Amino acid sequence: MLLVIADDVTWLDKADAAVVGFVARRVTDASMSSTTSPDGAAAGKPR
């Protein structure tokens, strides 16, 4: 199983997203799960 965690997903740029997409397309023999979270400011929480 492959677990992808993206913390502060608001900072995920095009290059990072391309890498995650590349891996997701090629992982065919295992299950894959992902979770993301916004940073505190985007969620309305003080930093």
Protein backbone atom coordinates (compact mmCIF):
# COMPACT_ATOMS: atom_id res chain seq x y z
CA MET A 1 0.00 0.00 0.00
CA LEU A 2 1.20 3.48 -0.84
CA LEU A 3 0.03 6.38 1.32
CA VAL A 4 0.48 9.93 0.04
CA ILE A 5 0.07 12.74 2.57
CA ALA A 6 0.10 16.35 1.40
CA ASP A 7 0.24 18.79 4.29
CA ASP A 8 -0.35 22.46 3.43
CA VAL A 9 -1.76 21.40 0.08
CA THR A 10 -2.16 25.07 -0.86
CA TRP A 11 1.61 25.06 -1.45
CA LEU A 12 1.46 22.12 -3.88
CA ASP A 13 2.84 23.49 -7.14
CA LYS A 14 2.55 22.13 -10.68
CA ALA A 15 5.83 20.19 -10.47
CA ASP A 16 4.80 18.50 -7.21
CA ALA A 17 1.36 17.67 -8.60
CA ALA A 18 3.01 16.21 -11.71
CA VAL A 19 5.16 13.88 -9.57
CA VAL A 20 2.16 12.72 -7.54
CA GLY A 21 0.22 12.11 -10.76
CA PHE A 22 3.14 10.24 -12.31
CA VAL A 23 3.40 7.90 -9.32
CA ALA A 24 -0.38 7.42 -9.12
CA ARG A 25 -0.55 6.37 -12.78
CA ARG A 26 2.26 3.85 -12.38
CA VAL A 27 1.35 2.21 -9.10
CA THR A 28 -0.87 -0.54 -10.41
CA ASP A 29 0.15 -3.49 -8.25
CA ALA A 30 -0.67 -1.87 -4.90
CA SER A 31 -3.50 0.08 -3.41
CA MET A 32 -2.98 3.80 -3.00
CA SER A 33 -4.56 6.22 -0.57
CA SER A 34 -4.09 9.95 -0.17
CA THR A 35 -5.05 12.65 2.24
CA THR A 36 -4.61 16.39 2.07
CA SER A 37 -5.05 19.29 4.43
CA PRO A 38 -5.00 23.03 3.95
CA ASP A 39 -2.67 25.18 6.01
CA GLY A 40 -4.05 26.75 9.19
CA ALA A 41 -4.68 30.15 7.58
CA ALA A 42 -6.74 28.64 4.77
CA ALA A 43 -8.79 26.66 7.29
CA GLY A 44 -9.56 29.82 9.26
CA LYS A 45 -7.20 28.94 12.09
CA PRO A 46 -4.54 31.38 13.33
CA ARG A 47 -0.94 30.49 12.66
